[in-house]
Amino acid sequence: MTTGLPTEITLHQQSCTLEIAFDDGARYRLPYEFLRVHSPSAEVRGHGPGQEVLQTGKQNVKLLNVEPVGTYALKLVFDDGHDSGLYTWEYLRELGHYQDVMWQEYLKRLEAAGASREPGPQTAGSHKPRSCGH
């Protein structure tokens, strides 16, 4: 997959999406929930194969802040307190390119675990539902 630099990064708070355009013309709209459940952090990915932690109850998660990290990544700060993943340009492009497949795989994993996208009392960092264009 080619890597390039972003030319535009826009947060769409009403639809809860981050839009990113790259210098080769690629443009992606990534929902906040998708970004949160696919965080590149060790908290989500684990420290090796098979150590991934299924993220549940993130349907209404909001993105509070986007911080540049050097010239290679973004640090995303979510309203559930998660802020430890560094989203490199390459990883954001990968998320955009494979978004549909990755989302379907996530939904299958949720179903297999009997878990939900909806926040519940057992969900760490749960908060009151807010409309995200759902």
N, C-alpha and C. Protein backbone atom coordinates (compact mmCIF):
# COMPACT_ATOMS: atom_id res chain seq x y z
N MET A 1 0.85 -1.18 0.00
CA MET A 1 0.00 0.00 0.00
C MET A 1 0.90 1.24 0.00
N THR A 2 0.57 2.21 -0.81
CA THR A 2 1.39 3.41 -0.89
C THR A 2 1.17 4.26 0.35
N THR A 3 2.19 5.01 0.68
CA THR A 3 2.05 5.96 1.78
C THR A 3 2.26 7.34 1.22
N GLY A 4 1.57 8.25 1.77
CA GLY A 4 1.67 9.64 1.37
C GLY A 4 1.28 10.50 2.54
N LEU A 5 1.36 11.77 2.32
CA LEU A 5 1.02 12.69 3.40
C LEU A 5 -0.41 13.16 3.26
N PRO A 6 -1.07 13.39 4.39
CA PRO A 6 -2.42 13.93 4.32
C PRO A 6 -2.38 15.40 3.89
N THR A 7 -3.36 15.78 3.13
CA THR A 7 -3.46 17.17 2.71
C THR A 7 -4.60 17.87 3.44
N GLU A 8 -5.48 17.09 4.04
CA GLU A 8 -6.64 17.66 4.72
C GLU A 8 -7.15 16.66 5.75
N ILE A 9 -7.46 17.15 6.95
CA ILE A 9 -8.06 16.34 8.01
C ILE A 9 -9.22 17.14 8.57
N THR A 10 -10.42 16.58 8.49
CA THR A 10 -11.61 17.30 8.92
C THR A 10 -12.42 16.43 9.87
N LEU A 11 -12.85 17.01 10.99
CA LEU A 11 -13.75 16.31 11.90
C LEU A 11 -15.17 16.74 11.58
N HIS A 12 -16.03 15.77 11.38
CA HIS A 12 -17.45 16.03 11.14
C HIS A 12 -18.19 15.58 12.39
N GLN A 13 -18.41 16.51 13.32
CA GLN A 13 -18.97 16.14 14.62
C GLN A 13 -20.40 15.62 14.52
N GLN A 14 -21.21 16.14 13.62
CA GLN A 14 -22.59 15.68 13.52
C GLN A 14 -22.67 14.22 13.05
N SER A 15 -21.86 13.84 12.07
CA SER A 15 -21.88 12.45 11.58
C SER A 15 -20.84 11.59 12.29
N CYS A 16 -20.07 12.20 13.22
CA CYS A 16 -19.05 11.48 13.99
C CYS A 16 -18.07 10.75 13.09
N THR A 17 -17.49 11.48 12.14
CA THR A 17 -16.49 10.91 11.26
C THR A 17 -15.28 11.84 11.14
N LEU A 18 -14.14 11.22 10.92
CA LEU A 18 -12.92 11.94 10.63
C LEU A 18 -12.67 11.73 9.13
N GLU A 19 -12.54 12.81 8.41
CA GLU A 19 -12.28 12.72 6.97
C GLU A 19 -10.82 13.07 6.74
N ILE A 20 -10.14 12.22 5.99
CA ILE A 20 -8.73 12.46 5.71
C ILE A 20 -8.48 12.31 4.21
N ALA A 21 -7.80 13.30 3.65
CA ALA A 21 -7.45 13.27 2.22
C ALA A 21 -5.93 13.21 2.12
N PHE A 22 -5.45 12.42 1.16
CA PHE A 22 -4.02 12.24 0.96
C PHE A 22 -3.57 12.91 -0.33
N ASP A 23 -2.25 13.12 -0.44
CA ASP A 23 -1.70 13.84 -1.58
C ASP A 23 -1.81 13.09 -2.90
N ASP A 24 -2.19 11.80 -2.86
CA ASP A 24 -2.38 11.06 -4.10
C ASP A 24 -3.85 11.02 -4.53
N GLY A 25 -4.70 11.79 -3.82
CA GLY A 25 -6.11 11.86 -4.17
C GLY A 25 -7.00 10.93 -3.36
N ALA A 26 -6.44 10.00 -2.61
CA ALA A 26 -7.25 9.12 -1.77
C ALA A 26 -7.93 9.94 -0.68
N ARG A 27 -9.18 9.62 -0.39
CA ARG A 27 -9.95 10.34 0.63
C ARG A 27 -10.82 9.32 1.35
N TYR A 28 -10.82 9.37 2.68
CA TYR A 28 -11.59 8.42 3.47
C TYR A 28 -12.37 9.14 4.57
N ARG A 29 -13.55 8.61 4.87
CA ARG A 29 -14.35 9.07 6.02
C ARG A 29 -14.41 7.91 7.00
N LEU A 30 -13.80 8.11 8.16
CA LEU A 30 -13.68 7.06 9.15
C LEU A 30 -14.53 7.40 10.38
N PRO A 31 -15.56 6.60 10.67
CA PRO A 31 -16.39 6.86 11.84
C PRO A 31 -15.58 6.78 13.13
N TYR A 32 -15.93 7.62 14.10
CA TYR A 32 -15.22 7.62 15.38
C TYR A 32 -15.23 6.24 16.02
N GLU A 33 -16.39 5.58 15.99
CA GLU A 33 -16.48 4.24 16.59
C GLU A 33 -15.49 3.28 15.92
N PHE A 34 -15.41 3.33 14.61
CA PHE A 34 -14.48 2.47 13.86
C PHE A 34 -13.04 2.76 14.29
N LEU A 35 -12.69 4.05 14.38
CA LEU A 35 -11.33 4.42 14.80
C LEU A 35 -11.05 3.93 16.21
N ARG A 36 -12.04 4.04 17.09
CA ARG A 36 -11.84 3.65 18.49
C ARG A 36 -11.64 2.14 18.63
N VAL A 37 -12.47 1.35 17.97
CA VAL A 37 -12.38 -0.11 18.14
C VAL A 37 -11.18 -0.70 17.40
N HIS A 38 -10.61 0.07 16.47
CA HIS A 38 -9.41 -0.37 15.75
C HIS A 38 -8.19 0.44 16.17
N SER A 39 -8.19 0.93 17.40
CA SER A 39 -7.05 1.69 17.89
C SER A 39 -5.78 0.86 17.81
N PRO A 40 -4.68 1.49 17.40
CA PRO A 40 -3.41 0.77 17.32
C PRO A 40 -2.72 0.62 18.68
N SER A 41 -3.38 0.98 19.76
CA SER A 41 -2.77 0.91 21.09
C SER A 41 -2.60 -0.53 21.57
N ALA A 42 -1.67 -0.73 22.48
CA ALA A 42 -1.48 -2.04 23.10
C ALA A 42 -2.71 -2.43 23.91
N GLU A 43 -3.43 -1.44 24.44
CA GLU A 43 -4.64 -1.69 25.20
C GLU A 43 -5.69 -2.43 24.35
N VAL A 44 -5.71 -2.16 23.07
CA VAL A 44 -6.67 -2.79 22.15
C VAL A 44 -6.03 -3.97 21.42
N ARG A 45 -4.85 -3.77 20.88
CA ARG A 45 -4.18 -4.80 20.08
C ARG A 45 -3.48 -5.87 20.90
N GLY A 46 -3.18 -5.57 22.17
CA GLY A 46 -2.39 -6.49 22.96
C GLY A 46 -0.92 -6.34 22.61
N HIS A 47 -0.11 -7.24 23.15
CA HIS A 47 1.33 -7.17 22.91
C HIS A 47 1.81 -8.27 21.97
N GLY A 48 0.86 -8.95 21.35
CA GLY A 48 1.22 -10.00 20.41
C GLY A 48 -0.02 -10.66 19.85
N PRO A 49 0.15 -11.53 18.86
CA PRO A 49 -1.00 -12.21 18.25
C PRO A 49 -1.83 -12.96 19.30
N GLY A 50 -3.13 -12.85 19.17
CA GLY A 50 -4.04 -13.53 20.08
C GLY A 50 -4.31 -12.77 21.37
N GLN A 51 -3.69 -11.62 21.55
CA GLN A 51 -3.89 -10.84 22.77
C GLN A 51 -4.81 -9.64 22.56
N GLU A 52 -5.46 -9.56 21.40
CA GLU A 52 -6.34 -8.45 21.10
C GLU A 52 -7.49 -8.42 22.11
N VAL A 53 -7.95 -7.21 22.45
CA VAL A 53 -9.06 -7.04 23.38
C VAL A 53 -10.25 -6.48 22.61
N LEU A 54 -11.33 -7.25 22.53
CA LEU A 54 -12.53 -6.83 21.82
C LEU A 54 -13.12 -5.60 22.50
N GLN A 55 -13.31 -4.55 21.75
CA GLN A 55 -13.87 -3.31 22.26
C GLN A 55 -15.38 -3.35 22.12
N THR A 56 -16.08 -3.15 23.22
CA THR A 56 -17.54 -3.20 23.21
C THR A 56 -18.11 -1.89 23.73
N GLY A 57 -19.36 -1.63 23.38
CA GLY A 57 -20.06 -0.46 23.89
C GLY A 57 -19.54 0.88 23.39
N LYS A 58 -18.97 0.92 22.22
CA LYS A 58 -18.35 2.15 21.71
C LYS A 58 -19.19 2.86 20.66
N GLN A 59 -20.44 2.48 20.49
CA GLN A 59 -21.29 3.02 19.43
C GLN A 59 -21.39 4.55 19.47
N ASN A 60 -21.44 5.14 20.65
CA ASN A 60 -21.64 6.58 20.77
C ASN A 60 -20.38 7.35 21.15
N VAL A 61 -19.22 6.71 20.99
CA VAL A 61 -17.98 7.37 21.38
C VAL A 61 -17.76 8.63 20.54
N LYS A 62 -17.23 9.65 21.19
CA LYS A 62 -16.92 10.92 20.52
C LYS A 62 -15.42 11.13 20.49
N LEU A 63 -14.97 11.83 19.51
CA LEU A 63 -13.57 12.22 19.39
C LEU A 63 -13.46 13.63 19.94
N LEU A 64 -12.69 13.80 21.02
CA LEU A 64 -12.58 15.11 21.67
C LEU A 64 -11.46 15.96 21.10
N ASN A 65 -10.37 15.30 20.69
CA ASN A 65 -9.21 16.06 20.25
C ASN A 65 -8.36 15.23 19.29
N VAL A 66 -7.72 15.91 18.38
CA VAL A 66 -6.78 15.29 17.44
C VAL A 66 -5.48 16.07 17.58
N GLU A 67 -4.42 15.34 17.96
CA GLU A 67 -3.14 15.99 18.17
C GLU A 67 -2.11 15.42 17.19
N PRO A 68 -1.41 16.30 16.45
CA PRO A 68 -0.36 15.80 15.56
C PRO A 68 0.80 15.25 16.38
N VAL A 69 1.41 14.18 15.88
CA VAL A 69 2.60 13.59 16.49
C VAL A 69 3.69 13.65 15.43
N GLY A 70 4.59 14.58 15.59
CA GLY A 70 5.63 14.79 14.58
C GLY A 70 5.00 15.03 13.23
N THR A 71 5.58 14.42 12.21
CA THR A 71 5.04 14.55 10.85
C THR A 71 4.56 13.20 10.35
N TYR A 72 4.27 12.26 11.28
CA TYR A 72 3.95 10.91 10.84
C TYR A 72 2.66 10.32 11.40
N ALA A 73 2.00 11.00 12.36
CA ALA A 73 0.85 10.36 13.00
C ALA A 73 -0.06 11.36 13.68
N LEU A 74 -1.20 10.83 14.14
CA LEU A 74 -2.16 11.58 14.95
C LEU A 74 -2.39 10.82 16.25
N LYS A 75 -2.55 11.56 17.33
CA LYS A 75 -3.01 10.99 18.59
C LYS A 75 -4.46 11.41 18.72
N LEU A 76 -5.36 10.42 18.82
CA LEU A 76 -6.78 10.71 18.93
C LEU A 76 -7.20 10.56 20.39
N VAL A 77 -7.93 11.55 20.88
CA VAL A 77 -8.41 11.54 22.26
C VAL A 77 -9.92 11.35 22.24
N PHE A 78 -10.38 10.22 22.79
CA PHE A 78 -11.81 9.89 22.80
C PHE A 78 -12.44 10.21 24.15
N ASP A 79 -13.75 10.41 24.13
CA ASP A 79 -14.44 10.80 25.36
C ASP A 79 -14.61 9.68 26.37
N ASP A 80 -14.19 8.46 26.04
CA ASP A 80 -14.21 7.37 27.02
C ASP A 80 -12.87 7.27 27.75
N GLY A 81 -12.00 8.26 27.51
CA GLY A 81 -10.71 8.31 28.19
C GLY A 81 -9.57 7.68 27.40
N HIS A 82 -9.87 7.00 26.30
CA HIS A 82 -8.82 6.35 25.51
C HIS A 82 -8.05 7.39 24.71
N ASP A 83 -6.72 7.36 24.84
CA ASP A 83 -5.89 8.32 24.11
C ASP A 83 -4.48 7.80 23.85
N SER A 84 -4.31 6.47 23.90
CA SER A 84 -2.94 5.95 23.83
C SER A 84 -2.52 5.40 22.47
N GLY A 85 -3.37 5.44 21.48
CA GLY A 85 -2.98 4.92 20.17
C GLY A 85 -2.43 6.01 19.27
N LEU A 86 -1.35 5.70 18.56
CA LEU A 86 -0.83 6.63 17.56
C LEU A 86 -1.22 6.11 16.18
N TYR A 87 -2.02 6.88 15.49
CA TYR A 87 -2.54 6.53 14.18
C TYR A 87 -1.60 7.12 13.13
N THR A 88 -0.70 6.30 12.59
CA THR A 88 0.22 6.78 11.57
C THR A 88 -0.56 7.03 10.27
N TRP A 89 0.05 7.80 9.38
CA TRP A 89 -0.61 8.05 8.09
C TRP A 89 -0.86 6.72 7.38
N GLU A 90 0.12 5.82 7.45
CA GLU A 90 -0.01 4.52 6.80
C GLU A 90 -1.18 3.73 7.40
N TYR A 91 -1.32 3.76 8.73
CA TYR A 91 -2.40 3.02 9.37
C TYR A 91 -3.76 3.64 9.05
N LEU A 92 -3.84 4.97 9.01
CA LEU A 92 -5.11 5.63 8.65
C LEU A 92 -5.51 5.28 7.22
N ARG A 93 -4.53 5.22 6.34
CA ARG A 93 -4.82 4.84 4.95
C ARG A 93 -5.30 3.39 4.90
N GLU A 94 -4.67 2.51 5.67
CA GLU A 94 -5.07 1.10 5.74
C GLU A 94 -6.51 0.99 6.28
N LEU A 95 -6.81 1.74 7.33
CA LEU A 95 -8.17 1.72 7.88
C LEU A 95 -9.19 2.16 6.82
N GLY A 96 -8.85 3.20 6.10
CA GLY A 96 -9.76 3.69 5.06
C GLY A 96 -9.93 2.68 3.94
N HIS A 97 -8.84 2.13 3.49
CA HIS A 97 -8.85 1.20 2.36
C HIS A 97 -9.62 -0.09 2.68
N TYR A 98 -9.44 -0.60 3.90
CA TYR A 98 -10.05 -1.88 4.28
C TYR A 98 -11.23 -1.72 5.24
N GLN A 99 -11.77 -0.52 5.30
CA GLN A 99 -12.82 -0.21 6.28
C GLN A 99 -14.00 -1.19 6.25
N ASP A 100 -14.55 -1.46 5.08
CA ASP A 100 -15.72 -2.33 5.00
C ASP A 100 -15.43 -3.74 5.52
N VAL A 101 -14.32 -4.32 5.11
CA VAL A 101 -13.95 -5.66 5.55
C VAL A 101 -13.67 -5.68 7.05
N MET A 102 -12.92 -4.71 7.53
CA MET A 102 -12.57 -4.65 8.94
C MET A 102 -13.82 -4.48 9.81
N TRP A 103 -14.76 -3.66 9.33
CA TRP A 103 -15.99 -3.44 10.09
C TRP A 103 -16.82 -4.72 10.17
N GLN A 104 -16.94 -5.43 9.07
CA GLN A 104 -17.71 -6.68 9.08
C GLN A 104 -17.05 -7.72 9.99
N GLU A 105 -15.72 -7.79 9.98
CA GLU A 105 -15.01 -8.71 10.88
C GLU A 105 -15.26 -8.34 12.34
N TYR A 106 -15.25 -7.06 12.63
CA TYR A 106 -15.52 -6.59 14.00
C TYR A 106 -16.93 -6.99 14.44
N LEU A 107 -17.91 -6.77 13.57
CA LEU A 107 -19.30 -7.12 13.91
C LEU A 107 -19.43 -8.63 14.16
N LYS A 108 -18.74 -9.43 13.37
CA LYS A 108 -18.76 -10.89 13.57
C LYS A 108 -18.14 -11.27 14.92
N ARG A 109 -17.04 -10.61 15.27
CA ARG A 109 -16.40 -10.90 16.57
C ARG A 109 -17.31 -10.50 17.72
N LEU A 110 -17.99 -9.37 17.58
CA LEU A 110 -18.95 -8.94 18.62
C LEU A 110 -20.04 -9.98 18.79
N GLU A 111 -20.62 -10.41 17.66
CA GLU A 111 -21.71 -11.38 17.70
C GLU A 111 -21.24 -12.69 18.34
N ALA A 112 -20.07 -13.16 17.95
CA ALA A 112 -19.54 -14.41 18.49
C ALA A 112 -19.32 -14.33 20.00
N ALA A 113 -19.00 -13.12 20.48
CA ALA A 113 -18.74 -12.93 21.91
C ALA A 113 -20.03 -12.62 22.68
N GLY A 114 -21.15 -12.47 21.94
CA GLY A 114 -22.40 -12.10 22.60
C GLY A 114 -22.34 -10.68 23.16
N ALA A 115 -21.51 -9.85 22.53
CA ALA A 115 -21.30 -8.48 23.00
C ALA A 115 -22.06 -7.49 22.13
N SER A 116 -22.04 -6.23 22.53
CA SER A 116 -22.82 -5.21 21.84
C SER A 116 -21.99 -3.96 21.57
N ARG A 117 -22.40 -3.25 20.53
CA ARG A 117 -21.82 -1.93 20.24
C ARG A 117 -22.39 -0.88 21.18
N GLU A 118 -23.55 -1.16 21.74
CA GLU A 118 -24.24 -0.17 22.59
C GLU A 118 -23.62 -0.12 23.98
N PRO A 119 -23.45 1.10 24.50
CA PRO A 119 -22.93 1.23 25.86
C PRO A 119 -23.92 0.62 26.86
N GLY A 120 -23.40 -0.02 27.86
CA GLY A 120 -24.23 -0.59 28.90
C GLY A 120 -23.60 -0.36 30.24
N PRO A 121 -24.28 -0.74 31.31
CA PRO A 121 -23.74 -0.51 32.64
C PRO A 121 -22.42 -1.24 32.90
N GLN A 122 -22.18 -2.36 32.19
CA GLN A 122 -20.96 -3.11 32.38
C GLN A 122 -19.82 -2.60 31.51
N THR A 123 -20.08 -1.61 30.65
CA THR A 123 -19.07 -1.09 29.74
C THR A 123 -18.21 -0.05 30.44
N ALA A 124 -16.92 -0.29 30.50
CA ALA A 124 -16.02 0.69 31.10
C ALA A 124 -16.05 1.97 30.28
N GLY A 125 -16.10 3.09 30.97
CA GLY A 125 -16.09 4.37 30.28
C GLY A 125 -17.38 4.66 29.53
N SER A 126 -18.47 4.01 29.92
CA SER A 126 -19.73 4.25 29.22
C SER A 126 -20.21 5.68 29.55
N HIS A 127 -21.03 6.18 28.67
CA HIS A 127 -21.53 7.53 28.84
C HIS A 127 -22.92 7.61 28.22
N LYS A 128 -23.58 8.72 28.44
CA LYS A 128 -24.93 8.87 27.90
C LYS A 128 -24.91 8.86 26.39
N PRO A 129 -25.87 8.16 25.78
CA PRO A 129 -25.91 8.12 24.31
C PRO A 129 -26.10 9.52 23.73
N ARG A 130 -25.39 9.79 22.67
CA ARG A 130 -25.53 11.04 21.94
C ARG A 130 -25.64 10.70 20.47
N SER A 131 -26.41 11.47 19.78
CA SER A 131 -26.62 11.17 18.38
C SER A 131 -25.33 11.36 17.58
N CYS A 132 -25.02 10.37 16.78
CA CYS A 132 -23.86 10.45 15.88
C CYS A 132 -24.32 10.14 14.47
N GLY A 133 -25.52 10.54 14.14
CA GLY A 133 -26.02 10.27 12.81
C GLY A 133 -26.40 8.82 12.60
N HIS A 134 -26.63 8.06 13.69
CA HIS A 134 -27.03 6.65 13.59
C HIS A 134 -28.49 6.54 13.28
